[in-house]
């Protein structure tokens, strides 16, 4: 059995390598965390991808945090990827802090 960058998320939030056939038959998108501004102008989503996006040596990057906004093009589609659930959750919180800092600077007129 050859593993080619496909992973399944276990109930304990660990991951298991699998074949493409196993991934296709068993992969369920998993939301790690979600955040949005009260008015909905910015959303941050962190999910389990189940596909290795590292495209090279090193640990698999199978979780992703992404920013979505139509109002602030400088941060729209900002993205980071992670290897574990805990890294993804910490990265989600860091992204919220970065976006909130950006929005404060933007509101103050420092960023336009």
N, C-alpha and C. Protein backbone atom coordinates (compact mmCIF):
# COMPACT_ATOMS: atom_id res chain seq x y z
N UNK A 1 0.85 -1.17 0.00
CA UNK A 1 0.00 0.00 0.00
C UNK A 1 0.90 1.24 0.00
N UNK A 2 0.70 2.14 -0.95
CA UNK A 2 1.50 3.35 -1.06
C UNK A 2 0.66 4.55 -0.63
N UNK A 3 1.20 5.35 0.26
CA UNK A 3 0.52 6.57 0.69
C UNK A 3 1.06 7.73 -0.13
N UNK A 4 0.17 8.57 -0.63
CA UNK A 4 0.59 9.62 -1.53
C UNK A 4 0.07 10.99 -1.10
N UNK A 5 0.05 11.24 0.19
CA UNK A 5 -0.34 12.57 0.65
C UNK A 5 -1.80 12.71 1.01
N UNK A 6 -2.49 11.61 1.23
CA UNK A 6 -3.90 11.66 1.63
C UNK A 6 -4.00 11.25 3.10
N UNK A 7 -4.89 11.90 3.83
CA UNK A 7 -5.01 11.66 5.26
C UNK A 7 -6.48 11.67 5.68
N UNK A 8 -6.76 10.90 6.72
CA UNK A 8 -8.08 10.90 7.35
C UNK A 8 -7.92 11.43 8.77
N UNK A 9 -8.93 12.14 9.23
CA UNK A 9 -8.94 12.70 10.58
C UNK A 9 -9.63 11.71 11.50
N UNK A 10 -8.94 11.33 12.57
CA UNK A 10 -9.48 10.39 13.55
C UNK A 10 -10.32 11.12 14.59
N UNK A 11 -11.11 10.36 15.33
CA UNK A 11 -11.97 10.96 16.36
C UNK A 11 -11.17 11.72 17.41
N UNK A 12 -9.93 11.29 17.67
CA UNK A 12 -9.09 11.97 18.66
C UNK A 12 -8.33 13.15 18.04
N UNK A 13 -8.67 13.51 16.80
CA UNK A 13 -8.10 14.62 16.04
C UNK A 13 -6.68 14.37 15.55
N UNK A 14 -6.20 13.16 15.69
CA UNK A 14 -4.94 12.77 15.05
C UNK A 14 -5.26 12.44 13.60
N UNK A 15 -4.22 12.27 12.79
CA UNK A 15 -4.43 11.96 11.37
C UNK A 15 -3.76 10.64 11.02
N UNK A 16 -4.31 9.97 10.03
CA UNK A 16 -3.79 8.70 9.55
C UNK A 16 -3.58 8.80 8.05
N UNK A 17 -2.37 8.44 7.55
CA UNK A 17 -2.18 8.40 6.10
C UNK A 17 -3.08 7.33 5.49
N UNK A 18 -3.51 7.57 4.27
CA UNK A 18 -4.36 6.60 3.59
C UNK A 18 -4.14 6.68 2.09
N UNK A 19 -4.71 5.75 1.38
CA UNK A 19 -4.63 5.76 -0.07
C UNK A 19 -5.69 6.73 -0.61
N UNK A 20 -5.55 7.07 -1.87
CA UNK A 20 -6.53 7.96 -2.49
C UNK A 20 -7.92 7.32 -2.47
N UNK A 21 -7.98 6.02 -2.63
CA UNK A 21 -9.27 5.33 -2.60
C UNK A 21 -9.91 5.41 -1.22
N UNK A 22 -9.10 5.20 -0.18
CA UNK A 22 -9.62 5.31 1.20
C UNK A 22 -10.06 6.73 1.49
N UNK A 23 -9.26 7.70 1.02
CA UNK A 23 -9.61 9.11 1.24
C UNK A 23 -10.93 9.44 0.56
N UNK A 24 -11.07 9.04 -0.70
CA UNK A 24 -12.29 9.35 -1.45
C UNK A 24 -13.52 8.72 -0.81
N UNK A 25 -13.35 7.54 -0.25
CA UNK A 25 -14.49 6.84 0.34
C UNK A 25 -14.84 7.33 1.75
N UNK A 26 -13.87 7.94 2.45
CA UNK A 26 -14.08 8.24 3.87
C UNK A 26 -13.87 9.70 4.26
N UNK A 27 -13.33 10.53 3.39
CA UNK A 27 -13.03 11.92 3.77
C UNK A 27 -14.32 12.71 3.98
N UNK A 28 -14.36 13.35 5.11
CA UNK A 28 -15.46 14.26 5.42
C UNK A 28 -14.81 15.60 5.77
N UNK A 29 -15.22 16.69 5.12
CA UNK A 29 -14.63 17.98 5.48
C UNK A 29 -14.88 18.27 6.96
N UNK A 30 -13.85 18.71 7.65
CA UNK A 30 -13.96 19.00 9.07
C UNK A 30 -13.60 20.45 9.33
N UNK A 31 -14.49 21.15 9.97
CA UNK A 31 -14.22 22.52 10.37
C UNK A 31 -13.49 22.49 11.70
N UNK A 32 -12.35 23.14 11.77
CA UNK A 32 -11.60 23.25 13.01
C UNK A 32 -12.13 24.44 13.80
N UNK A 33 -12.27 25.59 13.12
CA UNK A 33 -12.75 26.80 13.77
C UNK A 33 -13.25 27.78 12.71
N UNK A 34 -14.13 28.68 13.14
CA UNK A 34 -14.66 29.71 12.25
C UNK A 34 -14.86 30.99 13.05
N UNK A 35 -14.56 32.13 12.42
CA UNK A 35 -14.72 33.43 13.06
C UNK A 35 -15.23 34.40 12.01
N UNK A 36 -16.12 35.29 12.39
CA UNK A 36 -16.54 36.34 11.47
C UNK A 36 -16.84 37.60 12.26
N UNK A 37 -16.64 38.72 11.57
CA UNK A 37 -17.00 40.00 12.17
C UNK A 37 -18.52 40.05 12.31
N UNK A 38 -18.99 40.85 13.24
CA UNK A 38 -20.42 40.97 13.47
C UNK A 38 -21.17 41.33 12.19
N UNK A 39 -20.60 42.22 11.39
CA UNK A 39 -21.27 42.65 10.17
C UNK A 39 -20.98 41.72 8.99
N UNK A 40 -20.15 40.72 9.19
CA UNK A 40 -19.86 39.74 8.14
C UNK A 40 -18.87 40.19 7.09
N UNK A 41 -18.20 41.33 7.29
CA UNK A 41 -17.25 41.82 6.29
C UNK A 41 -16.01 40.95 6.15
N UNK A 42 -15.65 40.24 7.22
CA UNK A 42 -14.46 39.39 7.19
C UNK A 42 -14.81 38.06 7.87
N UNK A 43 -14.39 36.97 7.25
CA UNK A 43 -14.55 35.65 7.84
C UNK A 43 -13.20 34.94 7.81
N UNK A 44 -12.95 34.15 8.84
CA UNK A 44 -11.75 33.32 8.91
C UNK A 44 -12.21 31.90 9.15
N UNK A 45 -11.75 31.00 8.29
CA UNK A 45 -12.14 29.61 8.38
C UNK A 45 -10.89 28.74 8.47
N UNK A 46 -10.93 27.78 9.38
CA UNK A 46 -9.84 26.81 9.50
C UNK A 46 -10.46 25.42 9.34
N UNK A 47 -9.89 24.64 8.41
CA UNK A 47 -10.46 23.34 8.08
C UNK A 47 -9.37 22.28 7.94
N UNK A 48 -9.79 21.03 8.05
CA UNK A 48 -8.94 19.88 7.74
C UNK A 48 -9.12 19.57 6.26
N UNK A 49 -8.02 19.63 5.51
CA UNK A 49 -8.07 19.38 4.07
C UNK A 49 -7.98 17.89 3.73
N UNK A 50 -7.12 17.19 4.46
CA UNK A 50 -6.92 15.78 4.18
C UNK A 50 -5.99 15.51 3.01
N UNK A 51 -5.49 16.55 2.38
CA UNK A 51 -4.54 16.44 1.28
C UNK A 51 -3.29 17.20 1.65
N UNK A 52 -2.14 16.60 1.44
CA UNK A 52 -0.88 17.24 1.79
C UNK A 52 -0.57 18.35 0.78
N UNK A 53 -0.51 19.58 1.27
CA UNK A 53 -0.19 20.73 0.44
C UNK A 53 1.24 21.21 0.64
N UNK A 54 2.10 20.36 1.21
CA UNK A 54 3.50 20.75 1.41
C UNK A 54 4.27 20.72 0.10
N UNK A 55 3.95 19.80 -0.78
CA UNK A 55 4.60 19.70 -2.09
C UNK A 55 6.12 19.69 -2.00
N UNK A 56 6.64 18.94 -1.05
CA UNK A 56 8.07 18.82 -0.88
C UNK A 56 8.38 18.16 0.44
N UNK A 57 9.65 18.19 0.84
CA UNK A 57 10.03 17.54 2.09
C UNK A 57 9.44 18.26 3.30
N UNK A 58 9.38 17.55 4.39
CA UNK A 58 8.86 18.12 5.62
C UNK A 58 7.53 17.51 6.00
N UNK A 59 6.99 17.95 7.11
CA UNK A 59 5.73 17.37 7.57
C UNK A 59 4.59 17.75 6.62
N UNK A 60 3.56 16.92 6.57
CA UNK A 60 2.42 17.22 5.70
C UNK A 60 1.67 18.46 6.19
N UNK A 61 1.22 19.26 5.25
CA UNK A 61 0.40 20.43 5.57
C UNK A 61 -1.02 20.11 5.14
N UNK A 62 -1.84 19.72 6.12
CA UNK A 62 -3.16 19.16 5.83
C UNK A 62 -4.31 19.90 6.49
N UNK A 63 -3.99 20.99 7.19
CA UNK A 63 -5.00 21.88 7.75
C UNK A 63 -4.75 23.26 7.16
N UNK A 64 -5.82 24.07 7.04
CA UNK A 64 -5.66 25.37 6.40
C UNK A 64 -6.55 26.41 7.07
N UNK A 65 -5.96 27.60 7.31
CA UNK A 65 -6.71 28.77 7.76
C UNK A 65 -6.72 29.77 6.61
N UNK A 66 -7.90 30.32 6.33
CA UNK A 66 -8.01 31.26 5.22
C UNK A 66 -8.94 32.41 5.59
N UNK A 67 -8.59 33.61 5.11
CA UNK A 67 -9.39 34.82 5.32
C UNK A 67 -10.22 35.07 4.07
N UNK A 68 -11.49 35.42 4.27
CA UNK A 68 -12.39 35.76 3.18
C UNK A 68 -13.00 37.13 3.43
N UNK A 69 -12.85 38.04 2.48
CA UNK A 69 -13.46 39.36 2.59
C UNK A 69 -13.54 40.01 1.21
N UNK A 70 -14.63 40.69 0.96
CA UNK A 70 -14.78 41.46 -0.27
C UNK A 70 -14.41 42.92 -0.04
N UNK A 71 -14.25 43.32 1.21
CA UNK A 71 -14.05 44.72 1.57
C UNK A 71 -12.57 45.09 1.66
N UNK A 72 -11.73 44.17 2.10
CA UNK A 72 -10.31 44.46 2.36
C UNK A 72 -9.43 43.57 1.49
N UNK A 73 -9.13 43.98 0.26
CA UNK A 73 -8.37 43.12 -0.65
C UNK A 73 -6.96 42.77 -0.15
N UNK A 74 -6.38 43.60 0.73
CA UNK A 74 -5.03 43.31 1.23
C UNK A 74 -4.97 42.03 2.06
N UNK A 75 -6.07 41.63 2.65
CA UNK A 75 -6.06 40.43 3.49
C UNK A 75 -6.92 39.31 2.93
N UNK A 76 -7.68 39.58 1.87
CA UNK A 76 -8.52 38.55 1.28
C UNK A 76 -7.65 37.39 0.79
N UNK A 77 -8.05 36.21 1.16
CA UNK A 77 -7.35 34.97 0.80
C UNK A 77 -6.00 34.78 1.49
N UNK A 78 -5.70 35.58 2.54
CA UNK A 78 -4.52 35.26 3.34
C UNK A 78 -4.70 33.84 3.86
N UNK A 79 -3.63 33.06 3.85
CA UNK A 79 -3.77 31.66 4.17
C UNK A 79 -2.50 31.12 4.81
N UNK A 80 -2.69 30.20 5.75
CA UNK A 80 -1.59 29.46 6.36
C UNK A 80 -2.02 28.01 6.49
N UNK A 81 -1.04 27.12 6.41
CA UNK A 81 -1.32 25.69 6.51
C UNK A 81 -0.51 25.07 7.64
N UNK A 82 -1.04 23.96 8.17
CA UNK A 82 -0.48 23.34 9.36
C UNK A 82 -0.51 21.82 9.25
N UNK A 83 0.23 21.19 10.15
CA UNK A 83 0.33 19.72 10.15
C UNK A 83 -0.60 19.04 11.14
N UNK A 84 -0.99 19.74 12.21
CA UNK A 84 -1.80 19.11 13.25
C UNK A 84 -3.00 19.98 13.61
N UNK A 85 -3.97 19.35 14.24
CA UNK A 85 -5.18 20.05 14.70
C UNK A 85 -4.78 21.17 15.67
N UNK A 86 -3.90 20.88 16.61
CA UNK A 86 -3.51 21.88 17.60
C UNK A 86 -2.80 23.07 16.95
N UNK A 87 -1.94 22.80 15.97
CA UNK A 87 -1.29 23.89 15.24
C UNK A 87 -2.34 24.72 14.49
N UNK A 88 -3.30 24.05 13.89
CA UNK A 88 -4.34 24.75 13.14
C UNK A 88 -5.18 25.63 14.05
N UNK A 89 -5.52 25.13 15.22
CA UNK A 89 -6.32 25.91 16.17
C UNK A 89 -5.53 27.13 16.65
N UNK A 90 -4.25 26.93 16.97
CA UNK A 90 -3.40 28.06 17.38
C UNK A 90 -3.24 29.06 16.22
N UNK A 91 -3.06 28.54 15.00
CA UNK A 91 -2.93 29.40 13.83
C UNK A 91 -4.20 30.19 13.56
N UNK A 92 -5.34 29.59 13.81
CA UNK A 92 -6.62 30.28 13.65
C UNK A 92 -6.69 31.49 14.58
N UNK A 93 -6.31 31.27 15.82
CA UNK A 93 -6.31 32.37 16.80
C UNK A 93 -5.32 33.46 16.40
N UNK A 94 -4.16 33.07 15.92
CA UNK A 94 -3.17 34.04 15.46
C UNK A 94 -3.69 34.85 14.27
N UNK A 95 -4.40 34.19 13.36
CA UNK A 95 -4.95 34.88 12.20
C UNK A 95 -6.00 35.90 12.64
N UNK A 96 -6.82 35.54 13.60
CA UNK A 96 -7.81 36.49 14.13
C UNK A 96 -7.09 37.72 14.67
N UNK A 97 -6.04 37.52 15.45
CA UNK A 97 -5.29 38.64 16.01
C UNK A 97 -4.69 39.51 14.91
N UNK A 98 -4.13 38.89 13.88
CA UNK A 98 -3.53 39.64 12.77
C UNK A 98 -4.59 40.45 12.02
N UNK A 99 -5.74 39.83 11.77
CA UNK A 99 -6.81 40.52 11.06
C UNK A 99 -7.35 41.67 11.90
N UNK A 100 -7.55 41.44 13.18
CA UNK A 100 -8.04 42.51 14.06
C UNK A 100 -7.05 43.67 14.11
N UNK A 101 -5.75 43.38 14.16
CA UNK A 101 -4.73 44.44 14.14
C UNK A 101 -4.77 45.19 12.82
N UNK A 102 -4.90 44.46 11.72
CA UNK A 102 -5.00 45.10 10.41
C UNK A 102 -6.21 46.03 10.36
N UNK A 103 -7.35 45.56 10.86
CA UNK A 103 -8.57 46.37 10.82
C UNK A 103 -8.45 47.63 11.67
N UNK A 104 -7.78 47.52 12.82
CA UNK A 104 -7.56 48.72 13.64
C UNK A 104 -6.69 49.73 12.92
N UNK A 105 -5.61 49.27 12.28
CA UNK A 105 -4.74 50.17 11.51
C UNK A 105 -5.48 50.76 10.32
N UNK A 106 -6.30 49.97 9.69
CA UNK A 106 -7.08 50.45 8.55
C UNK A 106 -8.08 51.52 9.01
N UNK A 107 -8.76 51.27 10.11
CA UNK A 107 -9.74 52.22 10.64
C UNK A 107 -9.07 53.52 11.07
N UNK A 108 -7.84 53.42 11.58
CA UNK A 108 -7.10 54.61 12.01
C UNK A 108 -6.52 55.38 10.83
N UNK A 109 -6.65 54.83 9.63
CA UNK A 109 -6.13 55.50 8.45
C UNK A 109 -4.66 55.25 8.17
N UNK A 110 -4.06 54.39 8.96
CA UNK A 110 -2.64 54.07 8.78
C UNK A 110 -2.47 53.18 7.54
N UNK A 111 -3.42 52.28 7.33
CA UNK A 111 -3.45 51.45 6.12
C UNK A 111 -4.65 51.88 5.29
N UNK A 112 -4.46 51.99 4.02
CA UNK A 112 -5.59 52.38 3.17
C UNK A 112 -5.81 51.37 2.07
